Amino acid sequence: MRDIETILPEIHKRCIMASERPLVLIAGATGRTGESIVKGLLASGNFRVAALVRPESISKPIVETFRRSGVEIRTGDINDSEEKLTEALAGVDVFISTVVAWLIDEQKSAIRAAKAAGVQRVIPCDWATPGDKGVRGLHDQKLAIREFIQELGLPYTFIDVGWWMQVSLPLPERSNSLLKESTNTIYGDGSNRILLTDLNHIGTYVARIIADPRTLNQAVMIWEEEPTQLEIREIGARVSAEGDALRARRAYVSEDKLRKELAEAKAALKKDPTDIAAKTTIVVNEYMLSVHILGENSLENAKRLGYLDVQELYPDMPKPATLEEYAKEFYAMDDPGSA
């Protein structure tokens, strides 16, 4: 057995090496995108990882799982004062935000704090499909945050992702999900190509992106496949072994109907700003308009908007599973609606 004198230098060397790895702090780490990023960064072995966790979430099982995996837990909230957030960001090299949609505008204090703390790269909460200004209100909020970061002169990387594979396939007959019917809807003629991403792979890509000097002050598009909506529905029908039932359940929504529902929801929200149903309809219909009617969620459009293509950046990464391969796992689940 080696004595302690011979082991200590090795331990000291490992500690120095660990401390030299960049420290990444994630806000919203307990959400689905945040969790994927935490796992991807840990798996890479190239980062120290910290999570900003609200006091009321400290007792969540996922937080304890993070802690056991070596994640540093820092207590704080995106709504904290700039001074307190600056303290939470002390020593952080990369700050990643994956906050919930209704906190998009609340990121400004954390971004100012990141500048005060000397953070070397900020990744705000985007994590959705690409598009132009003026189509989706939620996306416009995210674009405003991007402009705010650029005005502050902070180093950044903006990252968007394709529509999740987890919510792309039509749910089978056995599903009790309230979203079952909507997953079998086709908007327009279903011919526009759609960028897809497996949620569980987002963190793997992020680990490469934030270590890459080529992505500094750039926008990056994470995607894995680009089928049409009709192709997605046919993959679901074929792999689920419920083809006839799923095809019979298909519903088509025209652009006119989509825009009419959107206009009605906006009128209802103007009349009652607390109308949650109207707010939900607006967000959903704006997304459907962007993705399926205008074709904004395509590689061609992402490149037009200036995004770097993650597949071109990292051709050495293992080829991801196809949607058809993912579908086999999806339909083998007891409850695919919980994927």
Protein backbone atom coordinates (compact mmCIF):
# COMPACT_ATOMS: atom_id res chain seq x y z
CA MET A 1 0.00 0.00 0.00
CA ARG A 2 1.28 3.46 -0.93
CA ASP A 3 2.06 5.71 2.03
CA ILE A 4 0.46 9.11 2.46
CA GLU A 5 3.65 10.98 1.48
CA THR A 6 3.59 9.49 -2.00
CA ILE A 7 -0.16 9.97 -2.46
CA LEU A 8 -0.35 13.65 -1.41
CA PRO A 9 1.52 15.11 -4.42
CA GLU A 10 -0.82 13.24 -6.76
CA ILE A 11 -3.89 14.49 -4.90
CA HIS A 12 -2.48 18.03 -4.94
CA LYS A 13 -1.88 17.80 -8.70
CA ARG A 14 -5.44 16.59 -9.29
CA CYS A 15 -6.85 19.42 -7.16
CA ILE A 16 -4.88 22.01 -9.16
CA MET A 17 -6.05 20.49 -12.44
CA ALA A 18 -9.66 20.52 -11.21
CA SER A 19 -9.43 24.14 -10.11
CA GLU A 20 -8.08 25.12 -13.54
CA ARG A 21 -11.20 23.88 -15.32
CA PRO A 22 -13.68 26.65 -16.18
CA LEU A 23 -16.53 27.11 -13.71
CA VAL A 24 -19.98 27.12 -15.31
CA LEU A 25 -22.99 28.39 -13.35
CA ILE A 26 -26.46 27.42 -14.57
CA ALA A 27 -29.65 29.24 -13.60
CA GLY A 28 -32.70 27.03 -14.08
CA ALA A 29 -30.67 23.84 -13.70
CA THR A 30 -33.60 21.83 -12.33
CA GLY A 31 -35.66 22.34 -15.49
CA ARG A 32 -35.49 19.92 -18.42
CA THR A 33 -33.04 21.93 -20.54
CA GLY A 34 -30.98 22.86 -17.49
CA GLU A 35 -30.74 19.25 -16.35
CA SER A 36 -29.59 18.16 -19.82
CA ILE A 37 -26.87 20.83 -19.74
CA VAL A 38 -25.69 19.87 -16.25
CA LYS A 39 -25.40 16.23 -17.31
CA GLY A 40 -23.60 17.11 -20.54
CA LEU A 41 -21.06 19.34 -18.81
CA LEU A 42 -20.36 16.76 -16.11
CA ALA A 43 -19.99 13.97 -18.66
CA SER A 44 -17.44 16.00 -20.63
CA GLY A 45 -15.16 16.23 -17.61
CA ASN A 46 -13.97 19.62 -18.83
CA PHE A 47 -15.83 21.90 -16.42
CA ARG A 48 -16.58 22.59 -12.81
CA VAL A 49 -20.35 22.93 -12.60
CA ALA A 50 -22.46 25.05 -10.25
CA ALA A 51 -26.21 25.53 -10.08
CA LEU A 52 -28.07 28.61 -8.89
CA VAL A 53 -30.96 27.13 -6.90
CA ARG A 54 -33.83 29.00 -5.26
CA PRO A 55 -34.12 28.47 -1.47
CA GLU A 56 -37.52 26.78 -1.94
CA SER A 57 -36.00 24.27 -4.39
CA ILE A 58 -33.00 23.25 -2.28
CA SER A 59 -34.80 20.17 -0.95
CA LYS A 60 -35.76 18.82 -4.39
CA PRO A 61 -34.39 15.32 -5.10
CA ILE A 62 -32.76 16.54 -8.31
CA VAL A 63 -30.71 19.08 -6.32
CA GLU A 64 -29.40 16.32 -4.07
CA THR A 65 -28.58 14.26 -7.17
CA PHE A 66 -26.63 17.22 -8.54
CA ARG A 67 -24.76 17.62 -5.26
CA ARG A 68 -23.77 13.95 -5.19
CA SER A 69 -22.55 14.28 -8.78
CA GLY A 70 -20.15 17.04 -7.81
CA VAL A 71 -22.25 20.08 -8.69
CA GLU A 72 -21.70 23.08 -6.43
CA ILE A 73 -25.06 24.37 -5.20
CA ARG A 74 -25.29 28.14 -4.84
CA THR A 75 -28.45 29.47 -3.26
CA GLY A 76 -30.04 32.34 -5.13
CA ASP A 77 -32.81 33.52 -7.42
CA ILE A 78 -32.80 35.24 -10.80
CA ASN A 79 -34.96 37.92 -9.12
CA ASP A 80 -32.35 38.66 -6.43
CA SER A 81 -30.69 42.07 -6.25
CA GLU A 82 -27.81 42.75 -8.60
CA GLU A 83 -25.45 42.88 -5.60
CA LYS A 84 -26.53 39.46 -4.38
CA LEU A 85 -26.34 37.98 -7.88
CA THR A 86 -22.83 39.39 -8.31
CA GLU A 87 -21.83 37.46 -5.18
CA ALA A 88 -23.47 34.30 -6.57
CA LEU A 89 -21.49 34.72 -9.80
CA ALA A 90 -18.12 35.17 -8.08
CA GLY A 91 -15.44 33.11 -9.78
CA VAL A 92 -17.75 31.99 -12.59
CA ASP A 93 -16.29 31.77 -16.10
CA VAL A 94 -19.48 30.91 -18.01
CA PHE A 95 -23.04 31.81 -17.00
CA ILE A 96 -25.88 29.85 -18.63
CA SER A 97 -29.53 30.79 -18.16
CA THR A 98 -32.33 28.28 -18.74
CA VAL A 99 -35.06 30.08 -16.80
CA VAL A 100 -38.77 29.57 -17.41
CA ALA A 101 -40.51 31.63 -20.08
CA TRP A 102 -42.13 34.15 -17.73
CA LEU A 103 -38.70 35.12 -16.33
CA ILE A 104 -37.09 36.01 -19.66
CA ASP A 105 -37.26 39.75 -18.96
CA GLU A 106 -36.00 39.22 -15.41
CA GLN A 107 -32.56 38.10 -16.62
CA LYS A 108 -31.22 41.65 -16.89
CA SER A 109 -30.06 41.93 -13.27
CA ALA A 110 -28.20 38.62 -13.56
CA ILE A 111 -26.61 39.75 -16.82
CA ARG A 112 -25.43 43.02 -15.29
CA ALA A 113 -24.15 41.03 -12.32
CA ALA A 114 -22.28 38.72 -14.70
CA LYS A 115 -20.46 41.74 -16.12
CA ALA A 116 -19.64 43.02 -12.63
CA ALA A 117 -18.33 39.59 -11.61
CA GLY A 118 -16.07 39.33 -14.67
CA VAL A 119 -17.88 36.39 -16.31
CA GLN A 120 -16.15 35.52 -19.58
CA ARG A 121 -19.15 34.21 -21.53
CA VAL A 122 -22.92 34.55 -21.07
CA ILE A 123 -25.50 32.25 -22.63
CA PRO A 124 -28.98 33.72 -22.08
CA CYS A 125 -32.20 31.73 -22.14
CA ASP A 126 -32.98 31.03 -25.79
CA TRP A 127 -33.15 27.22 -26.26
CA ALA A 128 -35.92 27.34 -28.86
CA THR A 129 -36.44 27.53 -32.62
CA PRO A 130 -34.95 30.34 -34.72
CA GLY A 131 -36.95 33.10 -36.32
CA ASP A 132 -37.35 36.74 -37.26
CA LYS A 133 -38.51 39.54 -35.00
CA GLY A 134 -42.23 40.26 -35.02
CA VAL A 135 -43.58 36.70 -35.39
CA ARG A 136 -43.49 35.37 -31.80
CA GLY A 137 -43.82 37.63 -28.80
CA LEU A 138 -41.79 35.29 -26.59
CA HIS A 139 -38.98 35.14 -29.16
CA ASP A 140 -39.00 38.93 -29.38
CA GLN A 141 -38.39 39.08 -25.63
CA LYS A 142 -35.39 36.78 -26.08
CA LEU A 143 -34.05 38.90 -28.94
CA ALA A 144 -34.33 41.97 -26.70
CA ILE A 145 -32.20 40.22 -24.07
CA ARG A 146 -29.62 39.45 -26.75
CA GLU A 147 -29.49 43.13 -27.67
CA PHE A 148 -29.14 44.04 -23.99
CA ILE A 149 -26.11 41.74 -23.66
CA GLN A 150 -24.50 43.21 -26.77
CA GLU A 151 -25.09 46.76 -25.53
CA LEU A 152 -23.32 45.89 -22.26
CA GLY A 153 -20.35 44.57 -24.23
CA LEU A 154 -20.46 41.15 -22.56
CA PRO A 155 -18.92 38.16 -24.38
CA TYR A 156 -21.78 35.84 -25.34
CA THR A 157 -22.99 32.82 -27.24
CA PHE A 158 -26.65 32.56 -28.27
CA ILE A 159 -27.87 28.98 -28.61
CA ASP A 160 -31.12 27.81 -30.16
CA VAL A 161 -32.30 24.23 -30.59
CA GLY A 162 -34.62 22.34 -32.89
CA TRP A 163 -38.09 21.27 -31.79
CA TRP A 164 -37.67 18.51 -29.20
CA MET A 165 -38.06 14.97 -30.50
CA GLN A 166 -39.77 14.25 -27.18
CA VAL A 167 -42.80 16.32 -28.23
CA SER A 168 -42.73 15.70 -31.98
CA LEU A 169 -44.29 12.26 -32.39
CA PRO A 170 -48.05 11.57 -32.25
CA LEU A 171 -49.07 10.05 -28.93
CA PRO A 172 -50.55 6.53 -29.10
CA GLU A 173 -54.08 5.52 -28.19
CA ARG A 174 -53.06 4.36 -24.69
CA SER A 175 -51.83 7.83 -23.73
CA ASN A 176 -53.97 9.81 -21.30
CA SER A 177 -52.14 13.05 -21.99
CA LEU A 178 -54.28 16.13 -22.53
CA LEU A 179 -51.96 16.94 -25.44
CA LYS A 180 -52.67 13.71 -27.32
CA GLU A 181 -54.87 15.22 -30.01
CA SER A 182 -52.58 18.19 -30.60
CA THR A 183 -49.64 15.86 -31.29
CA ASN A 184 -51.50 14.48 -34.30
CA THR A 185 -52.33 17.86 -35.81
CA ILE A 186 -50.81 18.96 -39.11
CA TYR A 187 -50.51 22.69 -39.78
CA GLY A 188 -50.75 23.85 -43.37
CA ASP A 189 -49.90 21.06 -45.78
CA GLY A 190 -47.19 19.59 -43.54
CA SER A 191 -44.46 19.97 -46.15
CA ASN A 192 -42.11 22.44 -44.42
CA ARG A 193 -38.94 20.91 -43.01
CA ILE A 194 -38.48 21.13 -39.24
CA LEU A 195 -35.23 21.03 -37.27
CA LEU A 196 -35.42 18.45 -34.47
CA THR A 197 -33.20 17.89 -31.42
CA ASP A 198 -33.22 15.20 -28.77
CA LEU A 199 -33.57 17.11 -25.49
CA ASN A 200 -31.18 14.67 -23.80
CA HIS A 201 -28.38 15.58 -26.22
CA ILE A 202 -28.47 19.36 -25.74
CA GLY A 203 -25.95 19.31 -22.90
CA THR A 204 -23.45 17.28 -24.94
CA TYR A 205 -23.46 19.95 -27.64
CA VAL A 206 -23.30 22.78 -25.11
CA ALA A 207 -20.13 21.28 -23.60
CA ARG A 208 -18.45 21.61 -26.99
CA ILE A 209 -19.91 25.01 -27.86
CA ILE A 210 -18.87 26.87 -24.70
CA ALA A 211 -15.30 25.55 -24.92
CA ASP A 212 -14.93 26.67 -28.54
CA PRO A 213 -13.45 30.12 -29.26
CA ARG A 214 -15.12 30.06 -32.69
CA THR A 215 -18.54 30.37 -31.04
CA LEU A 216 -17.71 33.45 -28.95
CA ASN A 217 -20.04 36.33 -29.89
CA GLN A 218 -21.90 34.05 -32.29
CA ALA A 219 -25.27 32.30 -32.45
CA VAL A 220 -25.26 28.50 -32.76
CA MET A 221 -28.04 26.21 -33.97
CA ILE A 222 -28.25 22.78 -32.31
CA TRP A 223 -30.14 20.28 -34.47
CA GLU A 224 -30.01 16.59 -35.39
CA GLU A 225 -32.59 15.91 -38.10
CA GLU A 226 -34.82 17.89 -40.48
CA PRO A 227 -37.93 15.96 -41.57
CA THR A 228 -41.26 17.41 -42.68
CA GLN A 229 -44.26 17.33 -40.37
CA LEU A 230 -45.87 14.71 -42.62
CA GLU A 231 -42.75 12.54 -42.41
CA ILE A 232 -42.82 12.82 -38.61
CA ARG A 233 -46.46 11.73 -38.51
CA GLU A 234 -45.73 8.78 -40.81
CA ILE A 235 -42.79 7.66 -38.67
CA GLY A 236 -45.13 7.70 -35.69
CA ALA A 237 -47.80 5.73 -37.53
CA ARG A 238 -45.31 3.14 -38.72
CA VAL A 239 -43.26 2.63 -35.55
CA SER A 240 -46.17 2.77 -33.08
CA ALA A 241 -47.94 -0.14 -34.81
CA GLU A 242 -51.10 2.01 -34.56
CA GLY A 243 -50.90 3.38 -38.07
CA ASP A 244 -54.57 3.16 -39.00
CA ALA A 245 -55.75 4.71 -35.73
CA LEU A 246 -53.21 7.54 -35.81
CA ARG A 247 -53.91 8.35 -39.46
CA ALA A 248 -57.65 8.42 -38.73
CA ARG A 249 -57.09 10.87 -35.87
CA ARG A 250 -55.08 13.36 -37.92
CA ALA A 251 -56.47 16.88 -38.00
CA TYR A 252 -55.41 19.60 -40.42
CA VAL A 253 -55.28 23.27 -39.44
CA SER A 254 -55.03 25.85 -42.21
CA GLU A 255 -53.04 29.07 -42.02
CA ASP A 256 -56.30 31.05 -42.10
CA LYS A 257 -57.69 29.16 -39.11
CA LEU A 258 -54.44 29.53 -37.20
CA ARG A 259 -54.32 33.27 -37.80
CA LYS A 260 -58.03 33.66 -36.95
CA GLU A 261 -57.56 31.89 -33.59
CA LEU A 262 -54.48 34.04 -32.93
CA ALA A 263 -56.36 37.27 -33.64
CA GLU A 264 -59.25 36.21 -31.41
CA ALA A 265 -56.87 35.33 -28.56
CA LYS A 266 -55.10 38.69 -28.85
CA ALA A 267 -58.45 40.48 -28.73
CA ALA A 268 -59.45 38.47 -25.65
CA LEU A 269 -56.15 39.27 -23.93
CA LYS A 270 -56.54 42.96 -24.70
CA LYS A 271 -59.95 42.83 -23.05
CA ASP A 272 -58.67 40.85 -20.06
CA PRO A 273 -54.86 40.90 -19.52
CA THR A 274 -55.22 38.09 -16.94
CA ASP A 275 -56.77 35.63 -19.43
CA ILE A 276 -54.41 32.64 -19.16
CA ALA A 277 -56.17 30.68 -21.91
CA ALA A 278 -55.71 33.57 -24.34
CA LYS A 279 -52.03 33.92 -23.40
CA THR A 280 -51.48 30.18 -23.97
CA THR A 281 -53.24 30.25 -27.34
CA ILE A 282 -51.11 33.18 -28.46
CA VAL A 283 -47.82 31.50 -27.53
CA VAL A 284 -48.81 28.16 -29.10
CA ASN A 285 -50.29 29.60 -32.29
CA GLU A 286 -47.37 31.96 -32.83
CA TYR A 287 -45.02 28.99 -32.57
CA MET A 288 -47.10 26.90 -34.97
CA LEU A 289 -47.22 29.80 -37.42
CA SER A 290 -43.45 30.27 -37.22
CA VAL A 291 -42.48 26.60 -37.41
CA HIS A 292 -45.08 25.06 -39.72
CA ILE A 293 -46.46 27.87 -41.90
CA LEU A 294 -43.54 30.29 -42.28
CA GLY A 295 -40.92 27.53 -42.16
CA GLU A 296 -38.66 29.47 -39.77
CA ASN A 297 -37.41 26.32 -38.00
CA SER A 298 -35.24 25.18 -40.91
CA LEU A 299 -31.49 24.97 -41.37
CA GLU A 300 -31.69 27.28 -44.37
CA ASN A 301 -33.45 29.93 -42.32
CA ALA A 302 -31.10 29.52 -39.34
CA LYS A 303 -28.12 30.11 -41.62
CA ARG A 304 -29.87 33.10 -43.19
CA LEU A 305 -30.16 34.54 -39.69
CA GLY A 306 -26.42 34.04 -39.10
CA TYR A 307 -26.39 30.92 -36.95
CA LEU A 308 -23.40 28.57 -36.97
CA ASP A 309 -24.38 24.97 -37.72
CA VAL A 310 -23.47 22.64 -34.85
CA GLN A 311 -23.14 19.71 -37.25
CA GLU A 312 -20.56 21.61 -39.32
CA LEU A 313 -18.71 22.80 -36.22
CA TYR A 314 -18.28 19.31 -34.75
CA PRO A 315 -18.24 16.65 -37.47
CA ASP A 316 -16.26 14.41 -35.10
CA MET A 317 -19.19 13.99 -32.72
CA PRO A 318 -20.94 10.60 -32.83
CA LYS A 319 -23.87 10.55 -35.24
CA PRO A 320 -27.05 10.95 -33.18
CA ALA A 321 -29.96 8.55 -33.34
CA THR A 322 -32.49 9.25 -36.08
CA LEU A 323 -36.06 10.19 -35.26
CA GLU A 324 -37.10 6.70 -36.33
CA GLU A 325 -34.63 5.15 -33.87
CA TYR A 326 -35.83 7.49 -31.15
CA ALA A 327 -39.44 6.58 -32.00
CA LYS A 328 -38.76 2.94 -31.15
CA GLU A 329 -37.76 3.99 -27.63
CA PHE A 330 -40.64 6.45 -27.42
CA TYR A 331 -43.38 3.95 -28.27
CA ALA A 332 -41.83 1.29 -26.02
CA MET A 333 -42.50 3.52 -22.98
CA ASP A 334 -45.47 2.77 -20.74
CA ASP A 335 -46.47 6.42 -21.01
CA PRO A 336 -44.86 8.21 -23.97
CA GLY A 337 -46.75 11.34 -22.94
CA SER A 338 -44.30 11.77 -20.05
CA ALA A 339 -41.20 11.68 -22.28
